Protein backbone atom coordinates (compact mmCIF):
# COMPACT_ATOMS: atom_id res chain seq x y z
CA MET A 1 89.35 97.18 77.22
CA ARG A 2 92.59 95.89 78.67
CA PHE A 3 93.89 99.32 79.52
CA ILE A 4 96.46 97.96 81.97
CA SER A 5 97.72 94.75 80.40
CA ARG A 6 97.97 96.02 76.83
CA PRO A 7 100.51 98.78 77.62
CA LEU A 8 102.55 96.18 79.50
CA ILE A 9 102.56 93.88 76.45
CA TRP A 10 103.31 96.81 74.11
CA PHE A 11 106.26 97.91 76.21
CA THR A 12 107.61 94.35 76.33
CA ASN A 13 107.38 94.05 72.55
CA VAL A 14 109.35 97.26 72.13
CA LEU A 15 112.18 95.93 74.30
CA LEU A 16 112.38 92.50 72.67
CA PRO A 17 115.14 92.02 70.11
CA GLY A 18 113.88 91.94 66.52
CA LYS A 19 112.28 94.37 64.14
CA GLY A 20 109.94 96.01 66.61
CA LEU A 21 106.18 96.34 66.69
CA ARG A 22 105.61 95.91 62.94
CA GLN A 23 107.39 92.63 62.33
CA GLY A 24 107.86 91.16 65.78
CA PRO A 25 108.85 89.13 67.62
CA PHE A 26 105.70 89.49 69.71
CA ILE A 27 104.89 88.46 73.26
CA TYR A 28 101.39 87.69 74.47
CA GLU A 29 99.60 87.50 77.81
CA GLN A 30 100.18 83.79 78.44
CA GLN A 31 103.87 84.22 77.72
CA ILE A 32 104.11 87.07 80.21
CA LEU A 33 102.39 84.93 82.84
CA ALA A 34 104.78 82.04 82.12
CA LEU A 35 107.79 84.36 82.38
CA ALA A 36 106.46 85.73 85.67
CA ASP A 37 105.98 82.20 87.03
CA THR A 38 109.54 81.27 86.09
CA ALA A 39 110.93 84.47 87.60
CA ALA A 40 109.06 83.82 90.84
CA ARG A 41 110.33 80.23 91.09
CA GLU A 42 113.89 81.44 90.56
CA GLN A 43 113.30 84.25 93.08
CA VAL A 44 114.07 86.94 90.52
CA ILE A 45 110.87 88.73 91.54
CA ARG A 46 109.07 88.79 94.88
CA ARG A 47 105.81 86.94 95.52
CA ASP A 48 103.82 90.17 95.72
CA GLU A 49 105.27 91.30 92.38
CA HIS A 50 104.36 87.93 90.85
CA ARG A 51 100.79 88.22 92.14
CA LEU A 52 100.48 91.79 90.84
CA ILE A 53 101.51 90.72 87.32
CA HIS A 54 98.88 87.97 87.34
CA SER A 55 96.26 90.40 88.69
CA VAL A 56 96.99 92.96 85.97
CA ILE A 57 96.74 90.40 83.16
CA GLU A 58 93.64 88.65 84.53
CA PHE A 59 91.92 91.97 85.20
CA GLY A 60 91.27 92.35 81.47
CA THR A 61 89.12 89.20 81.29
CA THR A 62 87.28 89.48 84.62
CA ILE A 63 83.57 90.36 84.48
CA ALA A 64 81.34 92.14 86.99
CA ARG A 65 79.62 88.94 88.17
CA GLU A 66 82.97 87.63 89.46
CA VAL A 67 83.69 90.62 91.73
CA MET A 68 80.22 91.84 92.77
CA VAL A 69 78.63 91.67 96.20
CA PRO A 70 75.73 89.20 95.69
CA ARG A 71 72.17 90.48 96.11
CA VAL A 72 71.70 88.35 99.24
CA ASP A 73 74.65 90.15 100.90
CA MET A 74 73.69 93.68 99.87
CA VAL A 75 72.75 96.18 102.58
CA THR A 76 69.76 98.19 101.34
CA ILE A 77 67.07 100.44 102.78
CA SER A 78 63.42 100.97 101.92
CA GLU A 79 62.44 104.17 100.14
CA THR A 80 59.78 104.69 102.82
CA ALA A 81 62.33 104.75 105.68
CA THR A 82 63.14 108.10 107.27
CA THR A 83 66.45 109.88 106.87
CA GLY A 84 66.98 109.43 110.60
CA GLU A 85 66.69 105.66 110.25
CA ALA A 86 68.94 105.74 107.20
CA ILE A 87 71.73 107.65 108.95
CA GLU A 88 71.66 105.09 111.76
CA LEU A 89 72.13 102.30 109.23
CA ALA A 90 74.91 104.17 107.42
CA MET A 91 76.77 104.81 110.69
CA ASP A 92 76.36 101.21 111.82
CA LYS A 93 77.68 99.77 108.53
CA GLY A 94 80.19 102.51 107.79
CA TYR A 95 78.93 103.00 104.21
CA SER A 96 79.02 106.22 102.23
CA ARG A 97 76.35 104.95 99.81
CA ILE A 98 73.37 102.63 100.31
CA PRO A 99 71.12 101.18 97.59
CA VAL A 100 67.42 102.02 98.02
CA HIS A 101 64.70 99.44 97.30
CA GLY A 102 61.00 99.85 96.64
CA SER A 103 58.78 99.16 99.63
CA GLU A 104 56.72 96.58 97.74
CA SER A 105 58.73 95.42 94.72
CA GLY A 106 62.06 95.10 96.53
CA GLU A 107 63.81 96.23 93.34
CA ILE A 108 66.63 98.76 93.60
CA THR A 109 65.27 102.20 92.74
CA GLY A 110 68.30 104.37 93.40
CA THR A 111 71.24 105.18 95.64
CA LEU A 112 71.35 107.07 98.94
CA PHE A 113 74.43 109.18 99.78
CA THR A 114 75.43 109.46 103.43
CA LYS A 115 76.49 113.09 102.90
CA ASP A 116 72.92 113.92 101.84
CA LEU A 117 71.62 112.24 104.99
CA ILE A 118 73.98 114.24 107.17
CA ARG A 119 72.77 117.51 105.64
CA SER A 120 69.15 116.49 106.13
CA VAL A 121 69.64 115.55 109.79
CA ARG A 122 71.70 118.69 110.41
CA ASP A 123 68.83 120.78 109.04
CA GLY A 124 66.37 119.05 111.38
CA GLN A 125 64.72 117.03 108.61
CA ASP A 126 65.36 113.57 109.96
CA TYR A 127 61.65 112.81 109.47
CA LEU A 128 61.90 113.02 105.65
CA PRO A 129 61.42 109.78 103.69
CA VAL A 130 64.48 108.38 101.98
CA SER A 131 62.72 108.81 98.62
CA ALA A 132 63.22 112.57 98.95
CA LEU A 133 67.00 112.16 98.83
CA VAL A 134 67.45 109.17 96.53
CA ARG A 135 69.74 109.62 93.53
CA PRO A 136 69.66 107.63 90.27
CA ALA A 137 71.61 104.37 90.37
CA LYS A 138 74.04 103.17 87.72
CA TYR A 139 73.03 99.79 86.28
CA ILE A 140 75.42 97.46 84.44
CA PRO A 141 75.11 93.94 82.99
CA GLU A 142 76.78 91.16 84.96
CA THR A 143 78.91 90.30 81.91
CA LYS A 144 80.55 93.72 81.68
CA ARG A 145 84.35 93.60 81.74
CA VAL A 146 85.66 95.19 84.94
CA ALA A 147 88.48 96.95 83.07
CA GLU A 148 85.90 98.81 81.00
CA LEU A 149 83.77 99.42 84.08
CA LEU A 150 86.67 100.90 86.06
CA ALA A 151 87.46 103.41 83.31
CA GLU A 152 83.75 104.22 82.96
CA MET A 153 83.22 104.77 86.68
CA GLN A 154 86.32 106.96 86.90
CA ALA A 155 85.14 109.10 83.99
CA GLU A 156 81.63 109.43 85.44
CA LYS A 157 82.91 109.90 89.01
CA THR A 158 80.66 107.03 90.09
CA HIS A 159 81.56 104.88 93.11
CA MET A 160 78.84 102.23 92.96
CA ALA A 161 77.06 100.28 90.22
CA ILE A 162 74.10 97.91 90.45
CA VAL A 163 74.66 94.63 88.59
CA VAL A 164 71.71 93.08 86.74
CA ASP A 165 71.41 89.68 85.08
CA GLU A 166 70.12 88.90 81.59
CA TYR A 167 66.52 89.21 82.79
CA GLY A 168 67.06 92.67 84.31
CA THR A 169 66.90 91.36 87.87
CA VAL A 170 69.37 92.79 90.38
CA ALA A 171 72.18 90.28 90.90
CA GLY A 172 74.43 92.37 93.14
CA LEU A 173 76.51 95.51 93.30
CA VAL A 174 80.10 96.49 92.65
CA THR A 175 82.03 99.45 94.03
CA LEU A 176 85.06 101.34 92.79
CA GLU A 177 87.00 99.93 95.74
CA ASP A 178 86.09 96.37 94.67
CA LEU A 179 87.58 97.00 91.22
CA VAL A 180 90.80 98.51 92.55
CA GLU A 181 91.20 95.59 94.98
CA GLU A 182 91.13 93.19 92.04
CA VAL A 183 94.54 94.57 91.06
CA VAL A 184 96.23 95.68 94.28
CA GLY A 185 94.59 93.32 96.78
CA GLU A 186 92.27 94.02 99.70
CA ILE A 187 92.26 97.58 101.01
CA VAL A 188 91.85 97.71 104.78
CA ASP A 189 91.83 100.82 106.96
CA GLU A 190 92.15 101.23 110.71
CA TYR A 191 88.38 101.27 111.18
CA ASP A 192 87.59 98.02 109.39
CA LYS A 193 86.37 95.29 111.72
CA ASP A 194 88.38 92.09 111.94
CA GLU A 195 86.52 89.23 110.32
CA GLN A 196 87.15 85.52 110.00
CA PRO A 197 89.60 84.95 107.12
CA ALA A 198 88.01 83.87 103.83
CA ILE A 199 90.53 81.02 103.54
CA GLU A 200 91.98 79.33 106.61
CA ALA A 201 94.17 76.23 106.84
CA VAL A 202 92.71 73.90 109.49
CA SER A 203 95.29 71.16 108.91
CA GLU A 204 97.63 69.98 106.17
CA THR A 205 94.69 68.44 104.32
CA THR A 206 91.74 70.60 105.40
CA TRP A 207 90.83 74.18 104.50
CA ARG A 208 87.99 76.35 105.78
CA VAL A 209 86.75 78.41 102.83
CA ASP A 210 84.08 81.10 102.56
CA ALA A 211 81.43 79.79 100.15
CA ARG A 212 81.34 83.13 98.32
CA LEU A 213 84.93 82.84 97.11
CA PRO A 214 85.52 82.25 93.38
CA ILE A 215 86.94 78.84 92.44
CA ASP A 216 89.96 80.49 90.77
CA GLU A 217 90.82 82.46 93.92
CA VAL A 218 90.76 79.29 96.03
CA PHE A 219 93.16 77.66 93.58
CA GLU A 220 95.52 80.66 93.67
CA GLU A 221 95.64 80.62 97.47
CA THR A 222 95.64 76.88 98.17
CA GLY A 223 96.43 75.01 94.97
CA LEU A 224 93.14 73.04 95.28
CA LYS A 225 91.89 72.27 91.77
CA LEU A 226 88.15 72.35 92.36
CA PRO A 227 86.08 71.54 89.25
CA HIS A 228 84.71 74.33 87.05
CA GLY A 229 81.25 74.46 85.55
CA GLU A 230 78.28 76.81 85.37
CA TRP A 231 79.17 78.08 88.84
CA ASP A 232 81.76 80.72 89.79
CA THR A 233 82.05 80.15 93.54
CA VAL A 234 82.66 77.36 96.03
CA GLY A 235 79.07 77.71 97.17
CA GLY A 236 77.84 77.28 93.61
CA LEU A 237 79.92 74.12 93.29
CA LEU A 238 78.48 72.64 96.48
CA ILE A 239 74.87 73.53 95.60
CA ASN A 240 75.37 71.88 92.22
CA ALA A 241 76.82 68.78 93.90
CA PHE A 242 73.85 68.46 96.28
CA GLY A 243 71.21 69.73 93.89
CA ARG A 244 69.91 71.94 96.73
CA ILE A 245 71.03 74.14 99.63
CA PRO A 246 72.95 71.79 101.97
CA ARG A 247 72.19 71.59 105.67
CA LYS A 248 74.76 72.25 108.36
CA GLY A 249 77.17 69.34 108.73
CA GLU A 250 76.30 67.66 105.43
CA SER A 251 79.18 66.41 103.28
CA THR A 252 79.63 65.22 99.74
CA LEU A 253 82.49 64.04 97.54
CA VAL A 254 83.40 66.14 94.51
CA ASP A 255 86.22 64.49 92.56
CA GLU A 256 88.85 63.73 95.20
CA TYR A 257 87.63 66.42 97.60
CA ARG A 258 85.17 66.07 100.48
CA LEU A 259 83.16 69.27 100.90
CA THR A 260 81.37 69.94 104.19
CA ALA A 261 78.80 72.64 104.90
CA GLU A 262 80.24 73.75 108.21
CA ALA A 263 77.79 76.62 108.71
CA VAL A 264 74.81 77.79 106.70
CA LEU A 265 72.97 81.10 107.04
CA GLY A 266 69.73 81.56 105.17
CA ARG A 267 70.26 80.62 101.54
CA ARG A 268 74.06 80.80 101.58
CA GLY A 269 76.91 79.07 103.31
CA LEU A 270 79.30 81.00 105.48
CA ALA A 271 82.12 78.51 105.86
CA TRP A 272 82.26 75.46 103.69
CA ARG A 273 85.29 73.25 103.32
């Protein structure tokens, strides 16, 4: 459901000269994007306004897999942990919700709310197992459109959803904040820790890029036309090029680009270029 872009197109069609919504003329998404690009080049609109228009239009076609936190990056806690241990983790990470996994299966069994932990600790029950406080998790397919998901999560007053692949295996998670950031950009408060930028220009011809970034986002920020395929991210591209997880310092040529695994942690790269 393109609940943001469609009203924009409808309103534009009303204003266009002609016979209105019944007989046209009509304007479509690609035309709006082209008009926005022209307006930005001629400095009729600001860069942030240009980016917002693109974000609004593209939001309608984005799916959960493209915005989720991958399973390997998820912070979870075992259902056998105590509430005291859980509150320590929540305070350390600054999260209001933490997915709970089974002690043996490792599958996500529910969601833990920090406010429930605080009540438990306040009442002197920091010895209770997390399983006593776990709430049901919301599960969504990785192909779900984020526009539909945003409306759904708002209606259900849900702030976190667990993303599963076609086999029912947990692929990652997405939060309400993640969805809003897709339109308005990253939301940072005064308590967020400074991290290394996801994209950093090293020289005129070299970029340091977080492997988790989508190919399309790298293009928007740098103009680098990395090849598309069955992968969504820079890391996926590099793994496909090597046929395996690359080792630190390894390089390979992909089209006209040389990609180097500058740092690798576990099964994922932190800074590839």
